[in-house]
Amino acid sequence: MIKHFAFVMLLVAPLPLLAQTVDEQLLSAQMAYQQANNLQEQAAERLKQAQAAKLQADQRLADAQAAVQRAADELAAAGSADTAAKQQMQQQTQQLDEAWKRKDAGGQ
C-alpha cells in the first residue's frame, strides 16, 4: 500500500520536484529552460519566415494590380483607336461610294 501511494505521488508531482538534490533540481530547471528557449527560437524563426513570405506576396499582389491597370489602360486605348478607325473607314467608304456614283452618272 505504501509503495502504491509513493508511485502515485511520483506521477502527480511536477518534474522539477522529482529531483532529490539541489543539483538535480538545477539541472532539471536548466533543461526545461533550454527546451523553452529552443521552442521560442523556432517560433521566432517561423514568424520571421512568415513575415518575409507575406511581404513577398504583398509585392506580387501590387505588381499584379499594376499589370491589371496597365492592361485596362491599353484596352481603353485600343477601344478608342478601334472606334476612331471605324469612323474613318465609314467616312472613306461613303466618299468612295459617292465617287463611284459620280463616275457612273457622268461617264468620266
PDB file of N, CA and C in Angstrom:
ATOM      1  N   MET A   1       0.823  -1.189   0.000  1.00  0.00           N
ATOM      2  CA  MET A   1       0.000   0.000   0.000  1.00  0.00           C
ATOM      3  C   MET A   1       0.870   1.257   0.000  1.00  0.00           C
ATOM      4  N   ILE A   2       1.921   1.284   0.772  1.00  0.00           N
ATOM      5  CA  ILE A   2       2.805   2.441   0.830  1.00  0.00           C
ATOM      6  C   ILE A   2       3.541   2.594  -0.492  1.00  0.00           C
ATOM      7  N   LYS A   3       3.949   1.496  -1.098  1.00  0.00           N
ATOM      8  CA  LYS A   3       4.622   1.565  -2.395  1.00  0.00           C
ATOM      9  C   LYS A   3       3.675   2.142  -3.437  1.00  0.00           C
ATOM     10  N   HIS A   4       2.426   1.740  -3.407  1.00  0.00           N
ATOM     11  CA  HIS A   4       1.430   2.233  -4.357  1.00  0.00           C
ATOM     12  C   HIS A   4       1.230   3.740  -4.172  1.00  0.00           C
ATOM     13  N   PHE A   5       1.131   4.214  -2.940  1.00  0.00           N
ATOM     14  CA  PHE A   5       0.968   5.631  -2.650  1.00  0.00           C
ATOM     15  C   PHE A   5       2.175   6.431  -3.137  1.00  0.00           C
ATOM     16  N   ALA A   6       3.347   5.930  -2.926  1.00  0.00           N
ATOM     17  CA  ALA A   6       4.569   6.611  -3.368  1.00  0.00           C
ATOM     18  C   ALA A   6       4.611   6.686  -4.886  1.00  0.00           C
ATOM     19  N   PHE A   7       4.217   5.628  -5.568  1.00  0.00           N
ATOM     20  CA  PHE A   7       4.190   5.617  -7.031  1.00  0.00           C
ATOM     21  C   PHE A   7       3.202   6.654  -7.564  1.00  0.00           C
ATOM     22  N   VAL A   8       2.028   6.742  -6.962  1.00  0.00           N
ATOM     23  CA  VAL A   8       1.018   7.717  -7.377  1.00  0.00           C
ATOM     24  C   VAL A   8       1.537   9.131  -7.136  1.00  0.00           C
ATOM     25  N   MET A   9       2.195   9.376  -6.039  1.00  0.00           N
ATOM     26  CA  MET A   9       2.744  10.697  -5.752  1.00  0.00           C
ATOM     27  C   MET A   9       3.820  11.072  -6.762  1.00  0.00           C
ATOM     28  N   LEU A  10       4.605  10.122  -7.208  1.00  0.00           N
ATOM     29  CA  LEU A  10       5.619  10.389  -8.216  1.00  0.00           C
ATOM     30  C   LEU A  10       4.978  10.798  -9.541  1.00  0.00           C
ATOM     31  N   LEU A  11       3.872  10.178  -9.878  1.00  0.00           N
ATOM     32  CA  LEU A  11       3.181  10.512 -11.121  1.00  0.00           C
ATOM     33  C   LEU A  11       2.541  11.899 -11.060  1.00  0.00           C
ATOM     34  N   VAL A  12       2.076  12.291  -9.904  1.00  0.00           N
ATOM     35  CA  VAL A  12       1.380  13.556  -9.750  1.00  0.00           C
ATOM     36  C   VAL A  12       2.352  14.721  -9.598  1.00  0.00           C
ATOM     37  N   ALA A  13       3.509  14.496  -9.054  1.00  0.00           N
ATOM     38  CA  ALA A  13       4.471  15.569  -8.765  1.00  0.00           C
ATOM     39  C   ALA A  13       5.041  16.131 -10.062  1.00  0.00           C
ATOM     40  N   PRO A  14       5.230  17.455 -10.148  1.00  0.00           N
ATOM     41  CA  PRO A  14       5.866  18.059 -11.327  1.00  0.00           C
ATOM     42  C   PRO A  14       7.321  17.600 -11.435  1.00  0.00           C
ATOM     43  N   LEU A  15       7.857  17.642 -12.634  1.00  0.00           N
ATOM     44  CA  LEU A  15       9.209  17.155 -12.874  1.00  0.00           C
ATOM     45  C   LEU A  15      10.275  17.805 -12.004  1.00  0.00           C
ATOM     46  N   PRO A  16      10.313  19.124 -11.856  1.00  0.00           N
ATOM     47  CA  PRO A  16      11.374  19.699 -11.019  1.00  0.00           C
ATOM     48  C   PRO A  16      11.352  19.184  -9.591  1.00  0.00           C
ATOM     49  N   LEU A  17      10.179  18.825  -9.086  1.00  0.00           N
ATOM     50  CA  LEU A  17      10.100  18.339  -7.714  1.00  0.00           C
ATOM     51  C   LEU A  17      10.523  16.886  -7.589  1.00  0.00           C
ATOM     52  N   LEU A  18      10.624  16.173  -8.690  1.00  0.00           N
ATOM     53  CA  LEU A  18      11.052  14.788  -8.633  1.00  0.00           C
ATOM     54  C   LEU A  18      12.537  14.688  -8.290  1.00  0.00           C
ATOM     55  N   ALA A  19      13.293  15.685  -8.673  1.00  0.00           N
ATOM     56  CA  ALA A  19      14.725  15.665  -8.388  1.00  0.00           C
ATOM     57  C   ALA A  19      14.931  15.695  -6.878  1.00  0.00           C
ATOM     58  N   GLN A  20      15.911  14.937  -6.428  1.00  0.00           N
ATOM     59  CA  GLN A  20      16.092  14.823  -4.990  1.00  0.00           C
ATOM     60  C   GLN A  20      17.111  15.813  -4.438  1.00  0.00           C
ATOM     61  N   THR A  21      18.062  16.210  -5.203  1.00  0.00           N
ATOM     62  CA  THR A  21      19.069  17.132  -4.690  1.00  0.00           C
ATOM     63  C   THR A  21      18.910  18.490  -5.360  1.00  0.00           C
ATOM     64  N   VAL A  22      19.589  19.473  -4.779  1.00  0.00           N
ATOM     65  CA  VAL A  22      19.554  20.818  -5.347  1.00  0.00           C
ATOM     66  C   VAL A  22      20.186  20.807  -6.738  1.00  0.00           C
ATOM     67  N   ASP A  23      21.269  20.053  -6.899  1.00  0.00           N
ATOM     68  CA  ASP A  23      21.921  19.971  -8.210  1.00  0.00           C
ATOM     69  C   ASP A  23      21.001  19.347  -9.248  1.00  0.00           C
ATOM     70  N   GLU A  24      20.284  18.306  -8.844  1.00  0.00           N
ATOM     71  CA  GLU A  24      19.348  17.679  -9.777  1.00  0.00           C
ATOM     72  C   GLU A  24      18.207  18.629 -10.129  1.00  0.00           C
ATOM     73  N   GLN A  25      17.740  19.400  -9.143  1.00  0.00           N
ATOM     74  CA  GLN A  25      16.686  20.382  -9.403  1.00  0.00           C
ATOM     75  C   GLN A  25      17.194  21.462 -10.356  1.00  0.00           C
ATOM     76  N   LEU A  26      18.430  21.896 -10.148  1.00  0.00           N
ATOM     77  CA  LEU A  26      19.020  22.899 -11.028  1.00  0.00           C
ATOM     78  C   LEU A  26      19.153  22.357 -12.444  1.00  0.00           C
ATOM     79  N   LEU A  27      19.628  21.141 -12.574  1.00  0.00           N
ATOM     80  CA  LEU A  27      19.768  20.518 -13.894  1.00  0.00           C
ATOM     81  C   LEU A  27      18.410  20.406 -14.581  1.00  0.00           C
ATOM     82  N   SER A  28      17.420  19.993 -13.826  1.00  0.00           N
ATOM     83  CA  SER A  28      16.075  19.865 -14.384  1.00  0.00           C
ATOM     84  C   SER A  28      15.548  21.221 -14.853  1.00  0.00           C
ATOM     85  N   ALA A  29      15.779  22.256 -14.051  1.00  0.00           N
ATOM     86  CA  ALA A  29      15.320  23.600 -14.421  1.00  0.00           C
ATOM     87  C   ALA A  29      16.078  24.102 -15.640  1.00  0.00           C
ATOM     88  N   GLN A  30      17.373  23.820 -15.721  1.00  0.00           N
ATOM     89  CA  GLN A  30      18.163  24.231 -16.880  1.00  0.00           C
ATOM     90  C   GLN A  30      17.689  23.541 -18.148  1.00  0.00           C
ATOM     91  N   MET A  31      17.371  22.266 -18.037  1.00  0.00           N
ATOM     92  CA  MET A  31      16.878  21.525 -19.210  1.00  0.00           C
ATOM     93  C   MET A  31      15.524  22.066 -19.668  1.00  0.00           C
ATOM     94  N   ALA A  32      14.657  22.360 -18.704  1.00  0.00           N
ATOM     95  CA  ALA A  32      13.344  22.916 -19.057  1.00  0.00           C
ATOM     96  C   ALA A  32      13.512  24.288 -19.697  1.00  0.00           C
ATOM     97  N   TYR A  33      14.439  25.094 -19.152  1.00  0.00           N
ATOM     98  CA  TYR A  33      14.710  26.407 -19.728  1.00  0.00           C
ATOM     99  C   TYR A  33      15.236  26.271 -21.148  1.00  0.00           C
ATOM    100  N   GLN A  34      16.164  25.349 -21.363  1.00  0.00           N
ATOM    101  CA  GLN A  34      16.742  25.152 -22.696  1.00  0.00           C
ATOM    102  C   GLN A  34      15.672  24.716 -23.690  1.00  0.00           C
ATOM    103  N   GLN A  35      14.795  23.846 -23.260  1.00  0.00           N
ATOM    104  CA  GLN A  35      13.714  23.403 -24.141  1.00  0.00           C
ATOM    105  C   GLN A  35      12.797  24.581 -24.501  1.00  0.00           C
ATOM    106  N   ALA A  36      12.443  25.395 -23.504  1.00  0.00           N
ATOM    107  CA  ALA A  36      11.591  26.560 -23.766  1.00  0.00           C
ATOM    108  C   ALA A  36      12.306  27.546 -24.671  1.00  0.00           C
ATOM    109  N   ASN A  37      13.609  27.721 -24.460  1.00  0.00           N
ATOM    110  CA  ASN A  37      14.394  28.630 -25.290  1.00  0.00           C
ATOM    111  C   ASN A  37      14.425  28.143 -26.737  1.00  0.00           C
ATOM    112  N   ASN A  38      14.615  26.850 -26.932  1.00  0.00           N
ATOM    113  CA  ASN A  38      14.611  26.289 -28.290  1.00  0.00           C
ATOM    114  C   ASN A  38      13.260  26.484 -28.972  1.00  0.00           C
ATOM    115  N   LEU A  39      12.198  26.266 -28.229  1.00  0.00           N
ATOM    116  CA  LEU A  39      10.856  26.476 -28.790  1.00  0.00           C
ATOM    117  C   LEU A  39      10.651  27.933 -29.179  1.00  0.00           C
ATOM    118  N   GLN A  40      11.142  28.844 -28.333  1.00  0.00           N
ATOM    119  CA  GLN A  40      10.992  30.271 -28.631  1.00  0.00           C
ATOM    120  C   GLN A  40      11.797  30.641 -29.868  1.00  0.00           C
ATOM    121  N   GLU A  41      12.998  30.110 -29.991  1.00  0.00           N
ATOM    122  CA  GLU A  41      13.820  30.398 -31.173  1.00  0.00           C
ATOM    123  C   GLU A  41      13.166  29.863 -32.441  1.00  0.00           C
ATOM    124  N   GLN A  42      12.584  28.670 -32.359  1.00  0.00           N
ATOM    125  CA  GLN A  42      11.889  28.102 -33.520  1.00  0.00           C
ATOM    126  C   GLN A  42      10.677  28.955 -33.893  1.00  0.00           C
ATOM    127  N   ALA A  43       9.941  29.403 -32.887  1.00  0.00           N
ATOM    128  CA  ALA A  43       8.764  30.241 -33.148  1.00  0.00           C
ATOM    129  C   ALA A  43       9.181  31.573 -33.752  1.00  0.00           C
ATOM    130  N   ALA A  44      10.287  32.149 -33.263  1.00  0.00           N
ATOM    131  CA  ALA A  44      10.767  33.418 -33.805  1.00  0.00           C
ATOM    132  C   ALA A  44      11.199  33.258 -35.262  1.00  0.00           C
ATOM    133  N   GLU A  45      11.855  32.162 -35.576  1.00  0.00           N
ATOM    134  CA  GLU A  45      12.274  31.908 -36.958  1.00  0.00           C
ATOM    135  C   GLU A  45      11.055  31.698 -37.865  1.00  0.00           C
ATOM    136  N   ARG A  46      10.075  30.971 -37.356  1.00  0.00           N
ATOM    137  CA  ARG A  46       8.838  30.761 -38.126  1.00  0.00           C
ATOM    138  C   ARG A  46       8.145  32.087 -38.397  1.00  0.00           C
ATOM    139  N   LEU A  47       8.102  32.955 -37.387  1.00  0.00           N
ATOM    140  CA  LEU A  47       7.499  34.276 -37.552  1.00  0.00           C
ATOM    141  C   LEU A  47       8.255  35.088 -38.593  1.00  0.00           C
ATOM    142  N   LYS A  48       9.570  35.052 -38.530  1.00  0.00           N
ATOM    143  CA  LYS A  48      10.400  35.789 -39.492  1.00  0.00           C
ATOM    144  C   LYS A  48      10.140  35.301 -40.921  1.00  0.00           C
ATOM    145  N   GLN A  49      10.055  33.991 -41.098  1.00  0.00           N
ATOM    146  CA  GLN A  49       9.789  33.434 -42.429  1.00  0.00           C
ATOM    147  C   GLN A  49       8.389  33.799 -42.910  1.00  0.00           C
ATOM    148  N   ALA A  50       7.415  33.773 -42.011  1.00  0.00           N
ATOM    149  CA  ALA A  50       6.046  34.129 -42.390  1.00  0.00           C
ATOM    150  C   ALA A  50       5.957  35.605 -42.778  1.00  0.00           C
ATOM    151  N   GLN A  51       6.670  36.459 -42.056  1.00  0.00           N
ATOM    152  CA  GLN A  51       6.672  37.885 -42.392  1.00  0.00           C
ATOM    153  C   GLN A  51       7.308  38.114 -43.757  1.00  0.00           C
ATOM    154  N   ALA A  52       8.396  37.412 -44.047  1.00  0.00           N
ATOM    155  CA  ALA A  52       9.059  37.557 -45.348  1.00  0.00           C
ATOM    156  C   ALA A  52       8.149  37.050 -46.467  1.00  0.00           C
ATOM    157  N   ALA A  53       7.467  35.937 -46.228  1.00  0.00           N
ATOM    158  CA  ALA A  53       6.557  35.396 -47.243  1.00  0.00           C
ATOM    159  C   ALA A  53       5.397  36.354 -47.505  1.00  0.00           C
ATOM    160  N   LYS A  54       4.872  36.971 -46.451  1.00  0.00           N
ATOM    161  CA  LYS A  54       3.773  37.920 -46.639  1.00  0.00           C
ATOM    162  C   LYS A  54       4.248  39.155 -47.393  1.00  0.00           C
ATOM    163  N   LEU A  55       5.440  39.640 -47.053  1.00  0.00           N
ATOM    164  CA  LEU A  55       5.997  40.789 -47.757  1.00  0.00           C
ATOM    165  C   LEU A  55       6.151  40.489 -49.245  1.00  0.00           C
ATOM    166  N   GLN A  56       6.638  39.302 -49.552  1.00  0.00           N
ATOM    167  CA  GLN A  56       6.814  38.899 -50.951  1.00  0.00           C
ATOM    168  C   GLN A  56       5.453  38.776 -51.646  1.00  0.00           C
ATOM    169  N   ALA A  57       4.485  38.206 -50.961  1.00  0.00           N
ATOM    170  CA  ALA A  57       3.144  38.074 -51.545  1.00  0.00           C
ATOM    171  C   ALA A  57       2.502  39.440 -51.760  1.00  0.00           C
ATOM    172  N   ASP A  58       2.702  40.353 -50.812  1.00  0.00           N
ATOM    173  CA  ASP A  58       2.171  41.712 -50.974  1.00  0.00           C
ATOM    174  C   ASP A  58       2.794  42.389 -52.200  1.00  0.00           C
ATOM    175  N   GLN A  59       4.092  42.180 -52.407  1.00  0.00           N
ATOM    176  CA  GLN A  59       4.767  42.780 -53.562  1.00  0.00           C
ATOM    177  C   GLN A  59       4.238  42.179 -54.863  1.00  0.00           C
ATOM    178  N   ARG A  60       4.048  40.856 -54.865  1.00  0.00           N
ATOM    179  CA  ARG A  60       3.489  40.220 -56.075  1.00  0.00           C
ATOM    180  C   ARG A  60       2.082  40.727 -56.351  1.00  0.00           C
ATOM    181  N   LEU A  61       1.301  40.929 -55.287  1.00  0.00           N
ATOM    182  CA  LEU A  61      -0.056  41.462 -55.449  1.00  0.00           C
ATOM    183  C   LEU A  61      -0.011  42.871 -56.034  1.00  0.00           C
ATOM    184  N   ALA A  62       0.878  43.711 -55.512  1.00  0.00           N
ATOM    185  CA  ALA A  62       0.998  45.079 -56.035  1.00  0.00           C
ATOM    186  C   ALA A  62       1.425  45.057 -57.503  1.00  0.00           C
ATOM    187  N   ASP A  63       2.369  44.177 -57.841  1.00  0.00           N
ATOM    188  CA  ASP A  63       2.799  44.052 -59.234  1.00  0.00           C
ATOM    189  C   ASP A  63       1.645  43.595 -60.127  1.00  0.00           C
ATOM    190  N   ALA A  64       0.876  42.636 -59.640  1.00  0.00           N
ATOM    191  CA  ALA A  64      -0.262  42.138 -60.424  1.00  0.00           C
ATOM    192  C   ALA A  64      -1.321  43.223 -60.596  1.00  0.00           C
ATOM    193  N   GLN A  65      -1.574  43.994 -59.546  1.00  0.00           N
ATOM    194  CA  GLN A  65      -2.558  45.073 -59.649  1.00  0.00           C
ATOM    195  C   GLN A  65      -2.096  46.135 -60.646  1.00  0.00           C
ATOM    196  N   ALA A  66      -0.796  46.421 -60.654  1.00  0.00           N
ATOM    197  CA  ALA A  66      -0.264  47.382 -61.623  1.00  0.00           C
ATOM    198  C   ALA A  66      -0.400  46.836 -63.044  1.00  0.00           C
ATOM    199  N   ALA A  67      -0.152  45.538 -63.213  1.00  0.00           N
ATOM    200  CA  ALA A  67      -0.297  44.921 -64.539  1.00  0.00           C
ATOM    201  C   ALA A  67      -1.754  44.959 -65.002  1.00  0.00           C
ATOM    202  N   VAL A  68      -2.680  44.733 -64.091  1.00  0.00           N
ATOM    203  CA  VAL A  68      -4.109  44.815 -64.434  1.00  0.00           C
ATOM    204  C   VAL A  68      -4.455  46.238 -64.865  1.00  0.00           C
ATOM    205  N   GLN A  69      -3.933  47.226 -64.148  1.00  0.00           N
ATOM    206  CA  GLN A  69      -4.207  48.623 -64.502  1.00  0.00           C
ATOM    207  C   GLN A  69      -3.631  48.959 -65.875  1.00  0.00           C
ATOM    208  N   ARG A  70      -2.401  48.498 -66.140  1.00  0.00           N
ATOM    209  CA  ARG A  70      -1.801  48.755 -67.462  1.00  0.00           C
ATOM    210  C   ARG A  70      -2.623  48.076 -68.566  1.00  0.00           C
ATOM    211  N   ALA A  71      -3.087  46.868 -68.311  1.00  0.00           N
ATOM    212  CA  ALA A  71      -3.909  46.169 -69.300  1.00  0.00           C
ATOM    213  C   ALA A  71      -5.238  46.884 -69.518  1.00  0.00           C
ATOM    214  N   ALA A  72      -5.832  47.377 -68.460  1.00  0.00           N
ATOM    215  CA  ALA A  72      -7.100  48.121 -68.583  1.00  0.00           C
ATOM    216  C   ALA A  72      -6.891  49.407 -69.372  1.00  0.00           C
ATOM    217  N   ASP A  73      -5.774  50.095 -69.107  1.00  0.00           N
ATOM    218  CA  ASP A  73      -5.467  51.317 -69.849  1.00  0.00           C
ATOM    219  C   ASP A  73      -5.263  51.013 -71.331  1.00  0.00           C
ATOM    220  N   GLU A  74      -4.540  49.939 -71.631  1.00  0.00           N
ATOM    221  CA  GLU A  74      -4.303  49.548 -73.019  1.00  0.00           C
ATOM    222  C   GLU A  74      -5.604  49.146 -73.701  1.00  0.00           C
ATOM    223  N   LEU A  75      -6.461  48.452 -72.966  1.00  0.00           N
ATOM    224  CA  LEU A  75      -7.760  48.069 -73.519  1.00  0.00           C
ATOM    225  C   LEU A  75      -8.583  49.306 -73.870  1.00  0.00           C
ATOM    226  N   ALA A  76      -8.589  50.293 -73.004  1.00  0.00           N
ATOM    227  CA  ALA A  76      -9.322  51.535 -73.270  1.00  0.00           C
ATOM    228  C   ALA A  76      -8.743  52.253 -74.484  1.00  0.00           C
ATOM    229  N   ALA A  77      -7.408  52.325 -74.565  1.00  0.00           N
ATOM    230  CA  ALA A  77      -6.766  52.988 -75.706  1.00  0.00           C
ATOM    231  C   ALA A  77      -7.054  52.243 -77.005  1.00  0.00           C
ATOM    232  N   ALA A  78      -7.009  50.914 -76.936  1.00  0.00           N
ATOM    233  CA  ALA A  78      -7.296  50.116 -78.137  1.00  0.00           C
ATOM    234  C   ALA A  78      -8.752  50.282 -78.565  1.00  0.00           C
ATOM    235  N   GLY A  79      -9.645  50.367 -77.605  1.00  0.00           N
ATOM    236  CA  GLY A  79     -11.064  50.581 -77.923  1.00  0.00           C
ATOM    237  C   GLY A  79     -11.279  51.934 -78.586  1.00  0.00           C
ATOM    238  N   SER A  80     -10.610  52.965 -78.088  1.00  0.00           N
ATOM    239  CA  SER A  80     -10.720  54.304 -78.692  1.00  0.00           C
ATOM    240  C   SER A  80     -10.153  54.305 -80.108  1.00  0.00           C
ATOM    241  N   ALA A  81      -9.001  53.645 -80.284  1.00  0.00           N
ATOM    242  CA  ALA A  81      -8.390  53.575 -81.617  1.00  0.00           C
ATOM    243  C   ALA A  81      -9.287  52.811 -82.578  1.00  0.00           C
ATOM    244  N   ASP A  82      -9.917  51.742 -82.109  1.00  0.00           N
ATOM    245  CA  ASP A  82     -10.823  50.959 -82.959  1.00  0.00           C
ATOM    246  C   ASP A  82     -12.029  51.800 -83.363  1.00  0.00           C
ATOM    247  N   THR A  83     -12.595  52.545 -82.435  1.00  0.00           N
ATOM    248  CA  THR A  83     -13.746  53.404 -82.737  1.00  0.00           C
ATOM    249  C   THR A  83     -13.370  54.472 -83.755  1.00  0.00           C
ATOM    250  N   ALA A  84     -12.211  55.100 -83.558  1.00  0.00           N
ATOM    251  CA  ALA A  84     -11.755  56.133 -84.497  1.00  0.00           C
ATOM    252  C   ALA A  84     -11.515  55.528 -85.886  1.00  0.00           C
ATOM    253  N   ALA A  85     -10.921  54.343 -85.947  1.00  0.00           N
ATOM    254  CA  ALA A  85     -10.655  53.695 -87.240  1.00  0.00           C
ATOM    255  C   ALA A  85     -11.957  53.319 -87.932  1.00  0.00           C
ATOM    256  N   LYS A  86     -12.941  52.878 -87.179  1.00  0.00           N
ATOM    257  CA  LYS A  86     -14.238  52.534 -87.780  1.00  0.00           C
ATOM    258  C   LYS A  86     -14.921  53.780 -88.346  1.00  0.00           C
ATOM    259  N   GLN A  87     -14.834  54.902 -87.635  1.00  0.00           N
ATOM    260  CA  GLN A  87     -15.419  56.147 -88.127  1.00  0.00           C
ATOM    261  C   GLN A  87     -14.712  56.598 -89.401  1.00  0.00           C
ATOM    262  N   GLN A  88     -13.381  56.508 -89.398  1.00  0.00           N
ATOM    263  CA  GLN A  88     -12.612  56.872 -90.602  1.00  0.00           C
ATOM    264  C   GLN A  88     -12.984  55.964 -91.770  1.00  0.00           C
ATOM    265  N   MET A  89     -13.115  54.675 -91.483  1.00  0.00           N
ATOM    266  CA  MET A  89     -13.477  53.720 -92.539  1.00  0.00           C
ATOM    267  C   MET A  89     -14.863  54.033 -93.089  1.00  0.00           C
ATOM    268  N   GLN A  90     -15.781  54.383 -92.223  1.00  0.00           N
ATOM    269  CA  GLN A  90     -17.137  54.731 -92.663  1.00  0.00           C
ATOM    270  C   GLN A  90     -17.112  55.980 -93.547  1.00  0.00           C
ATOM    271  N   GLN A  91     -16.342  56.984 -93.162  1.00  0.00           N
ATOM    272  CA  GLN A  91     -16.243  58.199 -93.978  1.00  0.00           C
ATOM    273  C   GLN A  91     -15.616  57.898 -95.336  1.00  0.00           C
ATOM    274  N   GLN A  92     -14.545  57.107 -95.341  1.00  0.00           N
ATOM    275  CA  GLN A  92     -13.876  56.785 -96.611  1.00  0.00           C
ATOM    276  C   GLN A  92     -14.758  55.927 -97.502  1.00  0.00           C
ATOM    277  N   THR A  93     -15.532  55.023 -96.902  1.00  0.00           N
ATOM    278  CA  THR A  93     -16.467  54.203 -97.685  1.00  0.00           C
ATOM    279  C   THR A  93     -17.530  55.094 -98.325  1.00  0.00           C
ATOM    280  N   GLN A  94     -18.024  56.044 -97.568  1.00  0.00           N
ATOM    281  CA  GLN A  94     -19.036  56.964 -98.095  1.00  0.00           C
ATOM    282  C   GLN A  94     -18.457  57.806 -99.227  1.00  0.00           C
ATOM    283  N   GLN A  95     -17.243  58.307 -99.071  1.00  0.00           N
ATOM    284  CA  GLN A  95     -16.620  59.099-100.138  1.00  0.00           C
ATOM    285  C   GLN A  95     -16.362  58.257-101.378  1.00  0.00           C
ATOM    286  N   LEU A  96     -15.955  57.009-101.172  1.00  0.00           N
ATOM    287  CA  LEU A  96     -15.726  56.120-102.323  1.00  0.00           C
ATOM    288  C   LEU A  96     -17.046  55.838-103.045  1.00  0.00           C
ATOM    289  N   ASP A  97     -18.101  55.586-102.301  1.00  0.00           N
ATOM    290  CA  ASP A  97     -19.401  55.346-102.920  1.00  0.00           C
ATOM    291  C   ASP A  97     -19.863  56.565-103.713  1.00  0.00           C
ATOM    292  N   GLU A  98     -19.685  57.759-103.172  1.00  0.00           N
ATOM    293  CA  GLU A  98     -20.073  58.983-103.871  1.00  0.00           C
ATOM    294  C   GLU A  98     -19.243  59.177-105.126  1.00  0.00           C
ATOM    295  N   ALA A  99     -17.954  58.856-105.053  1.00  0.00           N
ATOM    296  CA  ALA A  99     -17.097  58.979-106.246  1.00  0.00           C
ATOM    297  C   ALA A  99     -17.546  58.012-107.328  1.00  0.00           C
ATOM    298  N   TRP A 100     -17.908  56.794-106.981  1.00  0.00           N
ATOM    299  CA  TRP A 100     -18.397  55.829-107.968  1.00  0.00           C
ATOM    300  C   TRP A 100     -19.722  56.297-108.577  1.00  0.00           C
ATOM    301  N   LYS A 101     -20.582  56.850-107.759  1.00  0.00           N
ATOM    302  CA  LYS A 101     -21.858  57.345-108.265  1.00  0.00           C
ATOM    303  C   LYS A 101     -21.635  58.481-109.256  1.00  0.00           C
ATOM    304  N   ARG A 102     -20.705  59.393-108.962  1.00  0.00           N
ATOM    305  CA  ARG A 102     -20.404  60.487-109.889  1.00  0.00           C
ATOM    306  C   ARG A 102     -19.818  59.932-111.194  1.00  0.00           C
ATOM    307  N   LYS A 103     -18.943  58.955-111.066  1.00  0.00           N
ATOM    308  CA  LYS A 103     -18.330  58.385-112.265  1.00  0.00           C
ATOM    309  C   LYS A 103     -19.404  57.716-113.110  1.00  0.00           C
ATOM    310  N   ASP A 104     -20.257  56.917-112.448  1.00  0.00           N
ATOM    311  CA  ASP A 104     -21.298  56.228-113.198  1.00  0.00           C
ATOM    312  C   ASP A 104     -22.305  57.210-113.816  1.00  0.00           C
ATOM    313  N   ALA A 105     -22.556  58.304-113.165  1.00  0.00           N
ATOM    314  CA  ALA A 105     -23.513  59.286-113.682  1.00  0.00           C
ATOM    315  C   ALA A 105     -22.917  60.113-114.805  1.00  0.00           C
ATOM    316  N   GLY A 106     -21.650  60.443-114.695  1.00  0.00           N
ATOM    317  CA  GLY A 106     -21.023  61.330-115.671  1.00  0.00           C
ATOM    318  C   GLY A 106     -20.286  60.579-116.764  1.00  0.00           C
ATOM    319  N   GLY A 107     -19.954  59.377-116.541  1.00  0.00           N
ATOM    320  CA  GLY A 107     -19.266  58.608-117.554  1.00  0.00           C
ATOM    321  C   GLY A 107     -17.765  58.826-117.551  1.00  0.00           C
ATOM    322  N   GLN A 108     -17.287  59.834-116.941  1.00  0.00           N
ATOM    323  CA  GLN A 108     -15.832  60.048-116.926  1.00  0.00           C
ATOM    324  C   GLN A 108     -15.421  60.483-115.588  1.00  0.00           C
TER     325      GLN A 108
END
